[in-house]
Amino acid sequence: MFAEAELTDDGFLNGRLRIAQPKGGYRAAMDPVLLAAAVPAKPGESVLELGCGAGVASLCLGARVAGLRLTGLELQAAYAALARRNADRNGLSFEVVEGDLQAVPAALRAQSFDHVIANPPYYPAGGGTAAADPGRETALREATPLAVWMAAGLRRLRPGGWLTVIQSADRLPDLIGALGPGAGSLTLLPIAARAGRPAGRIILRARKGGRAPFRLLAPLILHEGAGHLADGDDHTAAARAILRDGAAIQL
């Protein structure tokens, strides 16, 4: 478990959520906030997050939509404990199960969910320089193939349920290939740092058993202008509404 001296106290959604995160381990930034904003959950529905880390995505979603049944699956015990602590601190109900999505615990295998969300590791196995912190390395570098993440998510969905994933844009072919025939009604949102720049991230939403045509949306632009010119917030109005006010992304 993390000692107090190893943690920082960070604000999300303009301070609406206070989240403890490790100083040297995996630290959530805007990606889990964007993921939470893209989930079409309604009050009373159930949500499972695969690889929930310190709980930022699920807690941002719970702060936006009241009355959700939130569940997380997390491999690393220290992060699972941190997610529970963050949920308690923010007054949100969040059941966090410690376990491996390659061998989902029996308690989760017996359940189905309206939504499954995930922010899988962006970097493929092998190559590159490993992170000095083991927890950060586990969170960022793929040890479990994307196909296993997607299969685990689809198995936990009820028929007609939604799978929402954020991923590095260069992994899109792998991500779509990993979905297989069990998912359809795909909607893709590119996310670009600035207008005219290539997308660095994508959000993909798929429906279990869906048959609607594929939809490619206009990109979400995060920052104003062609480049960062001065200190301060240069987020676009759309990005600011999501990151600060907890607004939903309409997919």
Protein backbone atom coordinates (compact mmCIF):
# COMPACT_ATOMS: atom_id res chain seq x y z
CA MET A 1 0.00 0.00 0.00
CA PHE A 2 1.05 3.59 -0.47
CA ALA A 3 2.35 5.61 2.49
CA GLU A 4 0.93 9.09 2.94
CA ALA A 5 4.25 10.66 1.99
CA GLU A 6 4.07 8.86 -1.38
CA LEU A 7 0.75 10.47 -2.35
CA THR A 8 -0.44 13.77 -3.78
CA ASP A 9 -3.88 15.31 -3.39
CA ASP A 10 -5.21 16.27 -6.82
CA GLY A 11 -8.38 17.99 -7.93
CA PHE A 12 -10.49 16.81 -10.87
CA LEU A 13 -13.57 18.44 -12.38
CA ASN A 14 -12.47 21.84 -11.11
CA GLY A 15 -11.92 20.45 -7.61
CA ARG A 16 -15.29 18.72 -7.39
CA LEU A 17 -13.39 15.47 -6.85
CA ARG A 18 -10.31 15.15 -4.64
CA ILE A 19 -8.14 12.22 -5.69
CA ALA A 20 -5.09 10.76 -3.95
CA GLN A 21 -2.48 9.57 -6.45
CA PRO A 22 1.07 8.22 -6.11
CA LYS A 23 3.84 10.74 -6.69
CA GLY A 24 6.01 8.30 -8.60
CA GLY A 25 3.52 5.75 -9.95
CA TYR A 26 0.78 5.91 -12.55
CA ARG A 27 -0.93 9.29 -12.41
CA ALA A 28 -4.22 9.98 -14.16
CA ALA A 29 -4.46 13.13 -16.27
CA MET A 30 -7.23 14.05 -18.69
CA ASP A 31 -7.71 10.69 -20.44
CA PRO A 32 -9.90 9.05 -17.76
CA VAL A 33 -11.93 12.27 -17.50
CA LEU A 34 -12.57 12.18 -21.25
CA LEU A 35 -13.45 8.49 -21.03
CA ALA A 36 -15.99 9.13 -18.28
CA ALA A 37 -17.55 11.96 -20.28
CA ALA A 38 -18.16 9.65 -23.26
CA VAL A 39 -20.15 6.99 -21.38
CA PRO A 40 -23.92 7.20 -22.12
CA ALA A 41 -24.90 5.97 -18.65
CA LYS A 42 -28.24 6.80 -17.06
CA PRO A 43 -29.28 6.79 -13.39
CA GLY A 44 -29.87 3.29 -12.12
CA GLU A 45 -27.54 1.60 -14.62
CA SER A 46 -24.45 -0.49 -13.84
CA VAL A 47 -20.90 0.25 -14.97
CA LEU A 48 -17.77 -1.90 -14.83
CA GLU A 49 -14.34 -0.34 -15.31
CA LEU A 50 -11.56 -2.71 -16.36
CA GLY A 51 -8.23 -1.61 -14.88
CA CYS A 52 -9.64 1.18 -12.72
CA GLY A 53 -6.34 2.34 -11.17
CA ALA A 54 -7.02 5.00 -8.52
CA GLY A 55 -10.62 5.25 -9.71
CA VAL A 56 -10.59 8.55 -11.60
CA ALA A 57 -12.72 7.53 -14.60
CA SER A 58 -15.43 5.79 -12.57
CA LEU A 59 -15.57 8.55 -9.97
CA CYS A 60 -15.81 11.26 -12.64
CA LEU A 61 -18.68 9.31 -14.17
CA GLY A 62 -20.35 8.91 -10.78
CA ALA A 63 -20.00 12.64 -10.14
CA ARG A 64 -21.78 13.38 -13.46
CA VAL A 65 -24.54 10.75 -13.30
CA ALA A 66 -26.21 10.06 -9.96
CA GLY A 67 -27.48 6.65 -8.95
CA LEU A 68 -25.05 4.46 -10.89
CA ARG A 69 -23.83 1.10 -9.64
CA LEU A 70 -20.07 1.46 -10.13
CA THR A 71 -17.68 -1.49 -10.06
CA GLY A 72 -13.97 -1.58 -10.83
CA LEU A 73 -11.53 -4.40 -11.53
CA GLU A 74 -7.90 -3.63 -10.70
CA LEU A 75 -4.84 -5.87 -10.91
CA GLN A 76 -2.58 -3.95 -8.52
CA ALA A 77 -3.60 -4.18 -4.86
CA ALA A 78 -2.18 -0.78 -3.90
CA TYR A 79 -4.17 0.98 -6.62
CA ALA A 80 -7.33 -0.96 -5.77
CA ALA A 81 -7.02 0.21 -2.16
CA LEU A 82 -6.44 3.77 -3.35
CA ALA A 83 -9.58 3.64 -5.53
CA ARG A 84 -11.67 2.55 -2.54
CA ARG A 85 -10.19 5.35 -0.45
CA ASN A 86 -10.89 7.93 -3.16
CA ALA A 87 -14.48 6.74 -3.49
CA ASP A 88 -15.07 7.00 0.27
CA ARG A 89 -13.50 10.43 0.42
CA ASN A 90 -15.76 11.74 -2.34
CA GLY A 91 -18.91 10.15 -0.99
CA LEU A 92 -19.41 7.84 -3.97
CA SER A 93 -20.31 4.16 -3.91
CA PHE A 94 -17.69 2.20 -5.86
CA GLU A 95 -17.04 -1.52 -5.43
CA VAL A 96 -13.42 -2.30 -6.37
CA VAL A 97 -12.49 -5.93 -6.98
CA GLU A 98 -8.84 -6.90 -7.01
CA GLY A 99 -8.07 -9.33 -9.82
CA ASP A 100 -6.79 -10.04 -13.32
CA LEU A 101 -9.04 -9.53 -16.33
CA GLN A 102 -7.44 -12.65 -17.86
CA ALA A 103 -9.01 -14.60 -14.98
CA VAL A 104 -11.96 -12.47 -13.88
CA PRO A 105 -12.96 -13.22 -10.26
CA ALA A 106 -16.06 -15.35 -9.85
CA ALA A 107 -17.98 -12.52 -8.19
CA LEU A 108 -17.74 -10.50 -11.42
CA ARG A 109 -18.27 -13.45 -13.76
CA ALA A 110 -21.71 -13.89 -12.22
CA GLN A 111 -22.73 -10.33 -13.15
CA SER A 112 -23.59 -8.45 -16.31
CA PHE A 113 -23.40 -4.69 -16.76
CA ASP A 114 -25.06 -1.98 -18.82
CA HIS A 115 -21.68 -0.40 -19.53
CA VAL A 116 -18.04 -1.49 -19.54
CA ILE A 117 -15.33 1.16 -19.76
CA ALA A 118 -11.56 0.84 -20.14
CA ASN A 119 -8.37 2.84 -20.60
CA PRO A 120 -6.02 -0.01 -21.58
CA PRO A 121 -2.22 0.45 -21.63
CA TYR A 122 -1.19 2.47 -24.68
CA TYR A 123 2.27 1.04 -25.32
CA PRO A 124 2.71 -2.41 -26.89
CA ALA A 125 4.76 -5.04 -25.09
CA GLY A 126 8.49 -4.95 -25.83
CA GLY A 127 10.57 -2.06 -27.06
CA GLY A 128 11.01 1.34 -25.53
CA THR A 129 12.32 2.19 -22.08
CA ALA A 130 10.54 0.70 -19.11
CA ALA A 131 9.20 3.08 -16.47
CA ALA A 132 11.25 3.12 -13.29
CA ASP A 133 8.14 2.61 -11.16
CA PRO A 134 6.63 -0.91 -11.54
CA GLY A 135 3.07 0.31 -11.00
CA ARG A 136 3.43 2.93 -13.72
CA GLU A 137 4.98 0.36 -16.08
CA THR A 138 2.09 -2.05 -15.48
CA ALA A 139 -0.48 0.69 -16.16
CA LEU A 140 1.14 2.00 -19.35
CA ARG A 141 2.71 -0.99 -21.13
CA GLU A 142 0.60 -3.79 -22.54
CA ALA A 143 1.09 -7.15 -20.90
CA THR A 144 -2.42 -8.36 -21.66
CA PRO A 145 -3.33 -8.06 -25.37
CA LEU A 146 -6.07 -5.65 -26.40
CA ALA A 147 -8.07 -8.61 -27.70
CA VAL A 148 -8.26 -9.96 -24.15
CA TRP A 149 -9.39 -6.59 -22.79
CA MET A 150 -12.14 -6.33 -25.40
CA ALA A 151 -13.27 -9.94 -24.99
CA ALA A 152 -13.43 -9.55 -21.21
CA GLY A 153 -15.46 -6.37 -21.58
CA LEU A 154 -17.94 -7.85 -24.04
CA ARG A 155 -18.46 -10.93 -21.86
CA ARG A 156 -19.43 -8.74 -18.91
CA LEU A 157 -21.96 -6.69 -20.94
CA ARG A 158 -25.64 -7.48 -21.07
CA PRO A 159 -27.10 -7.78 -24.60
CA GLY A 160 -27.33 -4.26 -26.01
CA GLY A 161 -24.84 -2.90 -23.47
CA TRP A 162 -22.14 -0.37 -24.36
CA LEU A 163 -18.35 -0.73 -24.35
CA THR A 164 -16.47 2.60 -24.24
CA VAL A 165 -12.68 2.71 -24.60
CA ILE A 166 -10.05 5.44 -24.83
CA GLN A 167 -6.80 4.53 -26.56
CA SER A 168 -3.81 5.95 -28.39
CA ALA A 169 -4.80 6.76 -31.99
CA ASP A 170 -2.07 4.56 -33.45
CA ARG A 171 -3.65 1.52 -31.78
CA LEU A 172 -7.01 1.98 -33.54
CA PRO A 173 -6.49 -0.89 -36.05
CA ASP A 174 -5.60 -3.22 -33.16
CA LEU A 175 -8.59 -2.01 -31.16
CA ILE A 176 -11.15 -2.52 -33.93
CA GLY A 177 -9.64 -5.88 -34.81
CA ALA A 178 -9.87 -6.93 -31.17
CA LEU A 179 -13.62 -6.32 -30.97
CA GLY A 180 -14.57 -9.23 -33.18
CA PRO A 181 -18.08 -9.99 -34.46
CA GLY A 182 -19.79 -9.60 -31.08
CA ALA A 183 -19.75 -5.81 -31.19
CA GLY A 184 -21.30 -3.36 -33.64
CA SER A 185 -22.77 0.14 -33.90
CA LEU A 186 -19.25 1.54 -33.62
CA THR A 187 -18.77 5.27 -33.04
CA LEU A 188 -15.29 6.79 -33.23
CA LEU A 189 -14.29 10.17 -31.79
CA PRO A 190 -10.77 11.41 -32.67
CA ILE A 191 -9.17 13.69 -30.06
CA ALA A 192 -6.59 16.22 -31.27
CA ALA A 193 -4.47 18.61 -29.23
CA ARG A 194 -5.11 21.48 -31.67
CA ALA A 195 -6.97 22.15 -34.89
CA GLY A 196 -5.08 20.79 -37.87
CA ARG A 197 -3.05 18.36 -35.77
CA PRO A 198 -3.35 14.57 -36.11
CA ALA A 199 -5.44 12.88 -33.45
CA GLY A 200 -3.35 11.58 -30.57
CA ARG A 201 -6.18 9.77 -28.79
CA ILE A 202 -9.44 8.17 -29.84
CA ILE A 203 -12.58 7.18 -28.01
CA LEU A 204 -14.36 4.16 -29.45
CA ARG A 205 -17.83 3.10 -28.41
CA ALA A 206 -19.39 -0.20 -29.43
CA ARG A 207 -22.64 -1.96 -28.63
CA LYS A 208 -22.91 -5.64 -27.84
CA GLY A 209 -24.90 -7.12 -30.71
CA GLY A 210 -25.29 -3.69 -32.32
CA ARG A 211 -26.01 -3.40 -36.06
CA ALA A 212 -26.09 0.35 -36.70
CA PRO A 213 -23.66 1.77 -39.31
CA PHE A 214 -20.17 2.88 -38.29
CA ARG A 215 -19.98 6.59 -37.39
CA LEU A 216 -16.81 8.71 -37.59
CA LEU A 217 -17.28 11.98 -35.72
CA ALA A 218 -15.56 15.33 -36.12
CA PRO A 219 -12.55 15.55 -33.80
CA LEU A 220 -12.69 16.96 -30.31
CA ILE A 221 -10.09 19.75 -30.19
CA LEU A 222 -8.54 20.26 -26.77
CA HIS A 223 -6.60 23.53 -27.10
CA GLU A 224 -7.11 26.88 -28.83
CA GLY A 225 -4.65 28.25 -31.39
CA ALA A 226 -1.81 26.74 -33.37
CA GLY A 227 0.54 26.45 -30.39
CA HIS A 228 0.96 27.21 -26.71
CA LEU A 229 1.94 30.89 -26.50
CA ALA A 230 1.61 31.81 -22.83
CA ASP A 231 1.03 30.40 -19.37
CA GLY A 232 -2.57 29.72 -18.47
CA ASP A 233 -5.54 27.70 -19.62
CA ASP A 234 -5.87 27.54 -23.40
CA HIS A 235 -8.47 24.77 -23.53
CA THR A 236 -11.29 25.13 -26.01
CA ALA A 237 -14.74 25.81 -24.61
CA ALA A 238 -15.78 22.22 -25.38
CA ALA A 239 -12.75 20.75 -23.60
CA ARG A 240 -13.15 23.10 -20.63
CA ALA A 241 -16.78 22.06 -20.21
CA ILE A 242 -15.73 18.41 -20.08
CA LEU A 243 -12.59 18.70 -17.95
CA ARG A 244 -13.83 21.33 -15.49
CA ASP A 245 -17.61 21.16 -15.46
CA GLY A 246 -18.08 17.43 -16.00
CA ALA A 247 -20.06 17.86 -19.22
CA ALA A 248 -20.88 14.79 -21.29
CA ILE A 249 -19.38 14.08 -24.71
CA GLN A 250 -22.22 13.46 -27.12
CA LEU A 251 -21.29 10.50 -29.33
